[in-house]
Every structure is written in structure tokens, then in C-alpha cells.
Amino acid sequence: MVMSWLLHFIEHDIWDSIARQYSQRNNHAEAYEIRQKIRELKQGELSLATYYSAMTYLWQQLDSYRTFRDTIASNDLIAFQSDIEKERVYDFLRGLNLKYDPIHIQILGRESFPTLEGAYNLPQHEERRRNAMMPSVSLDCSAHVVSSRSSVHLSDSKSS
């Protein structure tokens, strides 16, 4: 019986040691590095969907380092998760390209603060709208160039 107790105690101690050694919850340096990546990430040449996916991936990584699940009461947890969601909206907006600045104003000026998905949907709709309008704009420009060239050729042939 003593032998069984010792083996159980040693096994439990070994598992606790392994959990402490490989647990991500206390790896503050790694969590800090991920947070830095989030702050430095910019949309740049990335599509809106790719940028959002990259941010989401980093947030999921950061979540594995959070310890609040074990220590916060359920009402406080809901408020805390709401605050995290707001921080994510701020991070997302901060990294968007300048062409989405008017959308920043729309999102931040709302009476009820949007969810992350809601904040993503506004620039996504704007991007779709712009993409839908771009072919007609380029066709109009090329039609104007063709008509300008035609009038130049007509005036050249009339003067000859």
C-alpha cells in the first residue's frame, strides 16, 4: 500500500512538473512576442480577408496564454471577454490600410460598440463595393481614351 501511494505521488509529481515546464500559461516572453506581432501587423498588400485571418490566428495563439478562465466569476468573465473583444476591434482597425479611415469613424462613432465580426464586415462590404465598381471605372476610362484617340485621328485626317 505504501509502495502504491509512493508511485502515485511520484507519478502525480512528475505530471505536475511536466505541466509547469511545458505550460504556455506562464510563458510571458512568448505571450509578449505574440502581442508585439499583433501590434505590428498591418494590412499593407494583404487582402482584407488574409489580414483578418492573420490577426485571428495571432489572437487564438495569445488566448492559449490567458489564465483568466480559472480565476474570474462568470459575470466578470463576460465583461472581461467584452473588453478583449474591444481591444481586438481596436487592433484590427489600427492595422487597416488608410483607404478604410472613413470606416474607422463609422465603427468608433457608433452608440453600441460592434463585435469583431461586425467591425470586419464594414470594410469587407466596402472592399466588395469597390471591386464591383472598378471594372466599370476602367471601362469608362478606356472608352474615353479610345474616343479621344478617334477624335485625334479624325482631326488629323480632316486637316490632310
N, C-alpha and C. Protein backbone atom coordinates (compact mmCIF):
# COMPACT_ATOMS: atom_id res chain seq x y z
N MET A 1 0.83 -1.18 0.00
CA MET A 1 0.00 0.00 0.00
C MET A 1 0.88 1.26 0.00
N VAL A 2 1.93 1.25 0.80
CA VAL A 2 2.87 2.38 0.83
C VAL A 2 3.53 2.53 -0.54
N MET A 3 3.90 1.41 -1.12
CA MET A 3 4.54 1.43 -2.43
C MET A 3 3.59 2.04 -3.48
N SER A 4 2.33 1.67 -3.42
CA SER A 4 1.33 2.21 -4.34
C SER A 4 1.18 3.71 -4.14
N TRP A 5 1.12 4.13 -2.89
CA TRP A 5 0.99 5.55 -2.59
C TRP A 5 2.20 6.32 -3.10
N LEU A 6 3.40 5.80 -2.90
CA LEU A 6 4.62 6.46 -3.38
C LEU A 6 4.63 6.57 -4.90
N LEU A 7 4.26 5.48 -5.58
CA LEU A 7 4.22 5.52 -7.04
C LEU A 7 3.20 6.55 -7.53
N HIS A 8 2.04 6.58 -6.91
CA HIS A 8 1.02 7.55 -7.28
C HIS A 8 1.52 8.97 -7.04
N PHE A 9 2.14 9.20 -5.89
CA PHE A 9 2.67 10.52 -5.55
C PHE A 9 3.76 10.94 -6.54
N ILE A 10 4.66 10.03 -6.87
CA ILE A 10 5.74 10.33 -7.82
C ILE A 10 5.17 10.61 -9.20
N GLU A 11 4.22 9.78 -9.62
CA GLU A 11 3.59 9.97 -10.93
C GLU A 11 2.90 11.33 -10.98
N HIS A 12 2.14 11.65 -9.94
CA HIS A 12 1.45 12.95 -9.87
C HIS A 12 2.45 14.10 -9.90
N ASP A 13 3.52 13.96 -9.15
CA ASP A 13 4.56 14.98 -9.10
C ASP A 13 5.23 15.17 -10.46
N ILE A 14 5.47 14.06 -11.15
CA ILE A 14 6.08 14.13 -12.49
C ILE A 14 5.14 14.85 -13.45
N TRP A 15 3.86 14.51 -13.43
CA TRP A 15 2.91 15.16 -14.33
C TRP A 15 2.77 16.65 -14.01
N ASP A 16 2.77 17.00 -12.75
CA ASP A 16 2.74 18.42 -12.38
C ASP A 16 3.97 19.15 -12.88
N SER A 17 5.12 18.53 -12.74
CA SER A 17 6.36 19.12 -13.21
C SER A 17 6.35 19.32 -14.73
N ILE A 18 5.88 18.32 -15.45
CA ILE A 18 5.79 18.42 -16.91
C ILE A 18 4.81 19.53 -17.30
N ALA A 19 3.69 19.58 -16.61
CA ALA A 19 2.69 20.60 -16.92
C ALA A 19 3.25 22.00 -16.70
N ARG A 20 3.97 22.20 -15.60
CA ARG A 20 4.58 23.51 -15.33
C ARG A 20 5.65 23.85 -16.36
N GLN A 21 6.43 22.86 -16.74
CA GLN A 21 7.53 23.10 -17.68
C GLN A 21 7.03 23.45 -19.07
N TYR A 22 5.99 22.75 -19.52
CA TYR A 22 5.53 22.95 -20.89
C TYR A 22 4.25 23.76 -21.02
N SER A 23 3.72 24.22 -19.91
CA SER A 23 2.52 25.02 -19.95
C SER A 23 2.82 26.36 -20.62
N GLN A 24 1.90 26.79 -21.44
CA GLN A 24 2.07 28.07 -22.10
C GLN A 24 1.56 29.22 -21.24
N ARG A 25 0.82 28.91 -20.21
CA ARG A 25 0.21 29.97 -19.40
C ARG A 25 1.24 30.86 -18.71
N ASN A 26 2.36 30.34 -18.35
CA ASN A 26 3.36 31.15 -17.66
C ASN A 26 4.51 31.55 -18.55
N ASN A 27 4.37 31.38 -19.83
CA ASN A 27 5.42 31.76 -20.75
C ASN A 27 5.16 33.21 -21.20
N HIS A 28 5.54 34.12 -20.34
CA HIS A 28 5.25 35.54 -20.58
C HIS A 28 6.02 36.09 -21.78
N ALA A 29 7.21 35.59 -22.00
CA ALA A 29 8.00 36.07 -23.13
C ALA A 29 7.33 35.73 -24.46
N GLU A 30 6.82 34.53 -24.56
CA GLU A 30 6.12 34.11 -25.80
C GLU A 30 4.83 34.90 -25.99
N ALA A 31 4.08 35.10 -24.92
CA ALA A 31 2.85 35.89 -24.99
C ALA A 31 3.18 37.34 -25.40
N TYR A 32 4.24 37.87 -24.86
CA TYR A 32 4.67 39.23 -25.21
C TYR A 32 5.02 39.31 -26.69
N GLU A 33 5.73 38.31 -27.19
CA GLU A 33 6.13 38.29 -28.60
C GLU A 33 4.90 38.24 -29.51
N ILE A 34 3.93 37.44 -29.15
CA ILE A 34 2.70 37.35 -29.95
C ILE A 34 1.97 38.69 -29.92
N ARG A 35 1.91 39.31 -28.74
CA ARG A 35 1.25 40.62 -28.63
C ARG A 35 1.95 41.66 -29.51
N GLN A 36 3.28 41.60 -29.56
CA GLN A 36 4.04 42.51 -30.43
C GLN A 36 3.69 42.27 -31.90
N LYS A 37 3.58 41.01 -32.29
CA LYS A 37 3.22 40.69 -33.68
C LYS A 37 1.85 41.26 -34.02
N ILE A 38 0.93 41.17 -33.07
CA ILE A 38 -0.41 41.72 -33.29
C ILE A 38 -0.33 43.22 -33.48
N ARG A 39 0.43 43.89 -32.65
CA ARG A 39 0.54 45.36 -32.74
C ARG A 39 1.26 45.81 -34.01
N GLU A 40 2.17 45.00 -34.50
CA GLU A 40 2.94 45.38 -35.68
C GLU A 40 2.29 44.97 -37.00
N LEU A 41 1.32 44.08 -36.96
CA LEU A 41 0.70 43.58 -38.18
C LEU A 41 -0.11 44.69 -38.84
N LYS A 42 0.15 44.90 -40.11
CA LYS A 42 -0.57 45.88 -40.92
C LYS A 42 -1.12 45.17 -42.14
N GLN A 43 -2.20 45.69 -42.67
CA GLN A 43 -2.81 45.09 -43.85
C GLN A 43 -1.86 45.18 -45.04
N GLY A 44 -1.32 46.34 -45.29
CA GLY A 44 -0.38 46.50 -46.40
C GLY A 44 -0.93 45.95 -47.69
N GLU A 45 -0.19 45.03 -48.31
CA GLU A 45 -0.59 44.43 -49.58
C GLU A 45 -1.53 43.24 -49.40
N LEU A 46 -1.80 42.85 -48.15
CA LEU A 46 -2.68 41.71 -47.90
C LEU A 46 -4.12 42.06 -48.24
N SER A 47 -4.86 41.08 -48.71
CA SER A 47 -6.29 41.30 -48.88
C SER A 47 -6.90 41.46 -47.49
N LEU A 48 -8.08 42.01 -47.44
CA LEU A 48 -8.75 42.20 -46.16
C LEU A 48 -8.97 40.86 -45.45
N ALA A 49 -9.38 39.84 -46.21
CA ALA A 49 -9.63 38.53 -45.62
C ALA A 49 -8.35 37.90 -45.08
N THR A 50 -7.24 38.04 -45.81
CA THR A 50 -5.96 37.49 -45.36
C THR A 50 -5.48 38.21 -44.11
N TYR A 51 -5.62 39.52 -44.09
CA TYR A 51 -5.23 40.31 -42.92
C TYR A 51 -6.05 39.89 -41.70
N TYR A 52 -7.36 39.76 -41.86
CA TYR A 52 -8.24 39.37 -40.76
C TYR A 52 -7.89 37.96 -40.27
N SER A 53 -7.61 37.06 -41.18
CA SER A 53 -7.24 35.69 -40.81
C SER A 53 -5.93 35.67 -40.03
N ALA A 54 -4.97 36.47 -40.45
CA ALA A 54 -3.69 36.54 -39.73
C ALA A 54 -3.88 37.07 -38.32
N MET A 55 -4.71 38.10 -38.18
CA MET A 55 -4.99 38.64 -36.85
C MET A 55 -5.69 37.60 -35.99
N THR A 56 -6.67 36.92 -36.55
CA THR A 56 -7.42 35.90 -35.81
C THR A 56 -6.50 34.79 -35.33
N TYR A 57 -5.58 34.36 -36.19
CA TYR A 57 -4.63 33.31 -35.81
C TYR A 57 -3.77 33.76 -34.63
N LEU A 58 -3.27 34.99 -34.67
CA LEU A 58 -2.46 35.50 -33.57
C LEU A 58 -3.27 35.62 -32.28
N TRP A 59 -4.52 36.06 -32.38
CA TRP A 59 -5.36 36.17 -31.19
C TRP A 59 -5.61 34.80 -30.58
N GLN A 60 -5.81 33.80 -31.42
CA GLN A 60 -6.01 32.44 -30.90
C GLN A 60 -4.76 31.95 -30.18
N GLN A 61 -3.59 32.26 -30.74
CA GLN A 61 -2.35 31.88 -30.07
C GLN A 61 -2.26 32.57 -28.71
N LEU A 62 -2.56 33.86 -28.68
CA LEU A 62 -2.50 34.62 -27.43
C LEU A 62 -3.49 34.08 -26.40
N ASP A 63 -4.64 33.64 -26.85
CA ASP A 63 -5.64 33.09 -25.93
C ASP A 63 -5.12 31.87 -25.17
N SER A 64 -4.22 31.12 -25.77
CA SER A 64 -3.70 29.93 -25.08
C SER A 64 -2.83 30.32 -23.88
N TYR A 65 -2.44 31.58 -23.79
CA TYR A 65 -1.63 32.06 -22.66
C TYR A 65 -2.46 32.74 -21.58
N ARG A 66 -3.74 32.93 -21.83
CA ARG A 66 -4.59 33.62 -20.87
C ARG A 66 -4.94 32.69 -19.72
N THR A 67 -4.97 33.26 -18.52
CA THR A 67 -5.27 32.46 -17.33
C THR A 67 -6.58 32.87 -16.68
N PHE A 68 -7.29 33.81 -17.25
CA PHE A 68 -8.49 34.35 -16.60
C PHE A 68 -9.60 33.32 -16.44
N ARG A 69 -9.62 32.29 -17.25
CA ARG A 69 -10.71 31.31 -17.19
C ARG A 69 -10.84 30.68 -15.81
N ASP A 70 -9.73 30.53 -15.13
CA ASP A 70 -9.74 29.85 -13.84
C ASP A 70 -10.03 30.78 -12.66
N THR A 71 -9.92 32.06 -12.86
CA THR A 71 -9.92 32.96 -11.72
C THR A 71 -11.05 33.97 -11.69
N ILE A 72 -11.86 34.06 -12.72
CA ILE A 72 -12.87 35.11 -12.79
C ILE A 72 -14.26 34.52 -12.67
N ALA A 73 -15.11 35.18 -11.89
CA ALA A 73 -16.51 34.77 -11.76
C ALA A 73 -17.22 34.98 -13.09
N SER A 74 -18.32 34.28 -13.29
CA SER A 74 -18.98 34.27 -14.61
C SER A 74 -19.40 35.66 -15.07
N ASN A 75 -19.95 36.52 -14.19
CA ASN A 75 -20.33 37.87 -14.61
C ASN A 75 -19.11 38.69 -15.00
N ASP A 76 -18.06 38.55 -14.23
CA ASP A 76 -16.82 39.27 -14.53
C ASP A 76 -16.19 38.74 -15.81
N LEU A 77 -16.32 37.45 -16.05
CA LEU A 77 -15.75 36.84 -17.25
C LEU A 77 -16.40 37.40 -18.50
N ILE A 78 -17.70 37.59 -18.46
CA ILE A 78 -18.41 38.16 -19.61
C ILE A 78 -17.93 39.58 -19.88
N ALA A 79 -17.78 40.38 -18.85
CA ALA A 79 -17.27 41.75 -19.02
C ALA A 79 -15.84 41.74 -19.51
N PHE A 80 -15.03 40.83 -18.98
CA PHE A 80 -13.63 40.73 -19.40
C PHE A 80 -13.53 40.33 -20.87
N GLN A 81 -14.34 39.37 -21.29
CA GLN A 81 -14.33 38.95 -22.69
C GLN A 81 -14.81 40.07 -23.61
N SER A 82 -15.74 40.87 -23.13
CA SER A 82 -16.20 42.03 -23.90
C SER A 82 -15.06 43.04 -24.08
N ASP A 83 -14.28 43.24 -23.02
CA ASP A 83 -13.13 44.15 -23.12
C ASP A 83 -12.08 43.61 -24.09
N ILE A 84 -11.86 42.31 -24.07
CA ILE A 84 -10.90 41.70 -25.01
C ILE A 84 -11.38 41.89 -26.44
N GLU A 85 -12.69 41.72 -26.65
CA GLU A 85 -13.27 41.90 -27.98
C GLU A 85 -13.05 43.34 -28.47
N LYS A 86 -13.23 44.31 -27.58
CA LYS A 86 -13.00 45.71 -27.95
C LYS A 86 -11.54 45.94 -28.32
N GLU A 87 -10.63 45.38 -27.54
CA GLU A 87 -9.21 45.51 -27.86
C GLU A 87 -8.90 44.93 -29.23
N ARG A 88 -9.55 43.84 -29.57
CA ARG A 88 -9.33 43.20 -30.87
C ARG A 88 -9.87 44.07 -31.99
N VAL A 89 -11.00 44.73 -31.77
CA VAL A 89 -11.53 45.65 -32.77
C VAL A 89 -10.53 46.80 -32.96
N TYR A 90 -10.01 47.34 -31.87
CA TYR A 90 -9.01 48.42 -31.97
C TYR A 90 -7.77 47.94 -32.74
N ASP A 91 -7.28 46.75 -32.41
CA ASP A 91 -6.11 46.21 -33.11
C ASP A 91 -6.39 46.04 -34.60
N PHE A 92 -7.55 45.51 -34.91
CA PHE A 92 -7.94 45.29 -36.31
C PHE A 92 -8.00 46.61 -37.07
N LEU A 93 -8.65 47.60 -36.49
CA LEU A 93 -8.77 48.91 -37.15
C LEU A 93 -7.42 49.59 -37.31
N ARG A 94 -6.57 49.47 -36.29
CA ARG A 94 -5.27 50.11 -36.33
C ARG A 94 -4.42 49.63 -37.52
N GLY A 95 -4.55 48.37 -37.88
CA GLY A 95 -3.73 47.82 -38.94
C GLY A 95 -4.30 47.94 -40.34
N LEU A 96 -5.56 48.41 -40.44
CA LEU A 96 -6.17 48.55 -41.76
C LEU A 96 -5.49 49.63 -42.59
N ASN A 97 -5.54 49.48 -43.88
CA ASN A 97 -4.99 50.48 -44.79
C ASN A 97 -5.76 51.81 -44.66
N LEU A 98 -5.10 52.88 -45.03
CA LEU A 98 -5.69 54.22 -44.89
C LEU A 98 -6.98 54.41 -45.68
N LYS A 99 -7.17 53.65 -46.73
CA LYS A 99 -8.39 53.82 -47.53
C LYS A 99 -9.65 53.49 -46.73
N TYR A 100 -9.48 52.81 -45.58
CA TYR A 100 -10.61 52.45 -44.74
C TYR A 100 -10.81 53.42 -43.57
N ASP A 101 -10.11 54.55 -43.57
CA ASP A 101 -10.27 55.53 -42.49
C ASP A 101 -11.72 55.98 -42.27
N PRO A 102 -12.49 56.21 -43.33
CA PRO A 102 -13.89 56.59 -43.08
C PRO A 102 -14.67 55.50 -42.32
N ILE A 103 -14.28 54.27 -42.49
CA ILE A 103 -14.94 53.17 -41.79
C ILE A 103 -14.57 53.19 -40.32
N HIS A 104 -13.32 53.60 -40.00
CA HIS A 104 -12.93 53.76 -38.59
C HIS A 104 -13.92 54.68 -37.89
N ILE A 105 -14.22 55.79 -38.54
CA ILE A 105 -15.12 56.79 -37.96
C ILE A 105 -16.50 56.18 -37.75
N GLN A 106 -16.98 55.42 -38.74
CA GLN A 106 -18.28 54.77 -38.62
C GLN A 106 -18.31 53.81 -37.43
N ILE A 107 -17.28 52.99 -37.31
CA ILE A 107 -17.25 51.98 -36.25
C ILE A 107 -17.11 52.61 -34.88
N LEU A 108 -16.15 53.52 -34.76
CA LEU A 108 -15.88 54.12 -33.46
C LEU A 108 -16.95 55.13 -33.04
N GLY A 109 -17.73 55.62 -34.00
CA GLY A 109 -18.78 56.59 -33.69
C GLY A 109 -20.12 55.97 -33.35
N ARG A 110 -20.21 54.68 -33.42
CA ARG A 110 -21.48 54.01 -33.11
C ARG A 110 -21.80 54.11 -31.63
N GLU A 111 -23.10 54.15 -31.36
CA GLU A 111 -23.52 54.18 -29.96
C GLU A 111 -23.26 52.84 -29.29
N SER A 112 -23.59 51.76 -29.97
CA SER A 112 -23.27 50.44 -29.43
C SER A 112 -22.04 49.91 -30.17
N PHE A 113 -21.04 49.55 -29.40
CA PHE A 113 -19.77 49.12 -29.99
C PHE A 113 -19.96 47.79 -30.71
N PRO A 114 -19.45 47.66 -31.94
CA PRO A 114 -19.68 46.42 -32.70
C PRO A 114 -18.79 45.27 -32.21
N THR A 115 -19.21 44.08 -32.56
CA THR A 115 -18.37 42.92 -32.33
C THR A 115 -17.22 42.94 -33.33
N LEU A 116 -16.28 42.06 -33.14
CA LEU A 116 -15.17 41.96 -34.09
C LEU A 116 -15.69 41.62 -35.48
N GLU A 117 -16.62 40.69 -35.56
CA GLU A 117 -17.18 40.31 -36.86
C GLU A 117 -17.90 41.49 -37.51
N GLY A 118 -18.61 42.27 -36.69
CA GLY A 118 -19.28 43.46 -37.21
C GLY A 118 -18.28 44.48 -37.73
N ALA A 119 -17.18 44.64 -37.01
CA ALA A 119 -16.14 45.58 -37.44
C ALA A 119 -15.46 45.10 -38.71
N TYR A 120 -15.36 43.80 -38.89
CA TYR A 120 -14.77 43.23 -40.12
C TYR A 120 -15.73 43.37 -41.29
N ASN A 121 -17.02 43.23 -41.03
CA ASN A 121 -17.99 43.26 -42.12
C ASN A 121 -18.05 44.60 -42.85
N LEU A 122 -17.89 45.70 -42.13
CA LEU A 122 -17.97 47.02 -42.79
C LEU A 122 -16.89 47.22 -43.86
N PRO A 123 -15.61 47.03 -43.54
CA PRO A 123 -14.61 47.19 -44.61
C PRO A 123 -14.73 46.10 -45.68
N GLN A 124 -15.22 44.93 -45.29
CA GLN A 124 -15.40 43.86 -46.26
C GLN A 124 -16.45 44.27 -47.30
N HIS A 125 -17.55 44.85 -46.83
CA HIS A 125 -18.59 45.33 -47.76
C HIS A 125 -18.05 46.45 -48.63
N GLU A 126 -17.25 47.33 -48.04
CA GLU A 126 -16.65 48.43 -48.81
C GLU A 126 -15.71 47.88 -49.88
N GLU A 127 -14.92 46.89 -49.52
CA GLU A 127 -13.99 46.28 -50.49
C GLU A 127 -14.77 45.64 -51.64
N ARG A 128 -15.84 44.94 -51.32
CA ARG A 128 -16.67 44.32 -52.37
C ARG A 128 -17.28 45.38 -53.26
N ARG A 129 -17.76 46.46 -52.65
CA ARG A 129 -18.36 47.55 -53.43
C ARG A 129 -17.33 48.15 -54.38
N ARG A 130 -16.14 48.41 -53.87
CA ARG A 130 -15.08 48.98 -54.72
C ARG A 130 -14.69 48.04 -55.84
N ASN A 131 -14.57 46.75 -55.53
CA ASN A 131 -14.21 45.78 -56.55
C ASN A 131 -15.29 45.66 -57.62
N ALA A 132 -16.54 45.79 -57.21
CA ALA A 132 -17.63 45.71 -58.17
C ALA A 132 -17.64 46.94 -59.08
N MET A 133 -17.21 48.09 -58.56
CA MET A 133 -17.22 49.32 -59.34
C MET A 133 -15.97 49.48 -60.20
N MET A 134 -14.89 48.84 -59.84
CA MET A 134 -13.63 49.04 -60.56
C MET A 134 -13.71 48.67 -62.04
N PRO A 135 -14.30 47.56 -62.43
CA PRO A 135 -14.35 47.25 -63.86
C PRO A 135 -15.08 48.31 -64.66
N SER A 136 -16.17 48.86 -64.12
CA SER A 136 -16.90 49.89 -64.86
C SER A 136 -16.09 51.17 -64.95
N VAL A 137 -15.31 51.49 -63.92
CA VAL A 137 -14.48 52.69 -63.96
C VAL A 137 -13.38 52.52 -65.00
N SER A 138 -12.73 51.35 -65.04
CA SER A 138 -11.65 51.16 -66.01
C SER A 138 -12.21 51.10 -67.42
N LEU A 139 -13.43 50.56 -67.61
CA LEU A 139 -14.03 50.56 -68.94
C LEU A 139 -14.36 51.97 -69.38
N ASP A 140 -14.88 52.78 -68.47
CA ASP A 140 -15.20 54.17 -68.80
C ASP A 140 -13.94 54.92 -69.19
N CYS A 141 -12.84 54.69 -68.46
CA CYS A 141 -11.59 55.38 -68.77
C CYS A 141 -11.06 54.95 -70.13
N SER A 142 -11.10 53.66 -70.42
CA SER A 142 -10.58 53.19 -71.70
C SER A 142 -11.48 53.65 -72.84
N ALA A 143 -12.77 53.74 -72.62
CA ALA A 143 -13.67 54.25 -73.65
C ALA A 143 -13.37 55.71 -73.93
N HIS A 144 -13.05 56.46 -72.87
CA HIS A 144 -12.70 57.86 -73.05
C HIS A 144 -11.40 58.00 -73.84
N VAL A 145 -10.43 57.16 -73.54
CA VAL A 145 -9.15 57.20 -74.25
C VAL A 145 -9.37 56.85 -75.71
N VAL A 146 -10.17 55.83 -76.00
CA VAL A 146 -10.45 55.43 -77.37
C VAL A 146 -11.16 56.55 -78.11
N SER A 147 -12.13 57.17 -77.47
CA SER A 147 -12.85 58.25 -78.14
C SER A 147 -11.94 59.46 -78.35
N SER A 148 -11.02 59.72 -77.42
CA SER A 148 -10.07 60.82 -77.59
C SER A 148 -9.14 60.54 -78.75
N ARG A 149 -8.65 59.31 -78.85
CA ARG A 149 -7.76 58.93 -79.95
C ARG A 149 -8.50 59.00 -81.28
N SER A 150 -9.76 58.58 -81.30
CA SER A 150 -10.55 58.62 -82.54
C SER A 150 -10.71 60.05 -83.01
N SER A 151 -10.97 60.98 -82.09
CA SER A 151 -11.14 62.37 -82.49
C SER A 151 -9.83 62.96 -82.98
N VAL A 152 -8.70 62.51 -82.41
CA VAL A 152 -7.39 62.98 -82.89
C VAL A 152 -7.17 62.49 -84.31
N HIS A 153 -7.48 61.22 -84.57
CA HIS A 153 -7.31 60.67 -85.91
C HIS A 153 -8.24 61.34 -86.90
N LEU A 154 -9.46 61.64 -86.48
CA LEU A 154 -10.42 62.31 -87.37
C LEU A 154 -9.94 63.71 -87.69
N SER A 155 -9.44 64.42 -86.70
CA SER A 155 -8.99 65.79 -86.97
C SER A 155 -7.72 65.76 -87.82
N ASP A 156 -6.84 64.75 -87.65
CA ASP A 156 -5.64 64.63 -88.47
C ASP A 156 -6.02 64.35 -89.92
N SER A 157 -7.01 63.49 -90.12
CA SER A 157 -7.39 63.11 -91.50
C SER A 157 -8.11 64.27 -92.18
N LYS A 158 -8.83 65.10 -91.40
CA LYS A 158 -9.54 66.25 -91.99
C LYS A 158 -8.55 67.32 -92.42
N SER A 159 -7.46 67.46 -91.66
CA SER A 159 -6.50 68.51 -91.98
C SER A 159 -5.63 68.09 -93.14
N SER A 160 -5.60 66.82 -93.54
CA SER A 160 -4.76 66.39 -94.65
C SER A 160 -5.39 66.64 -95.95
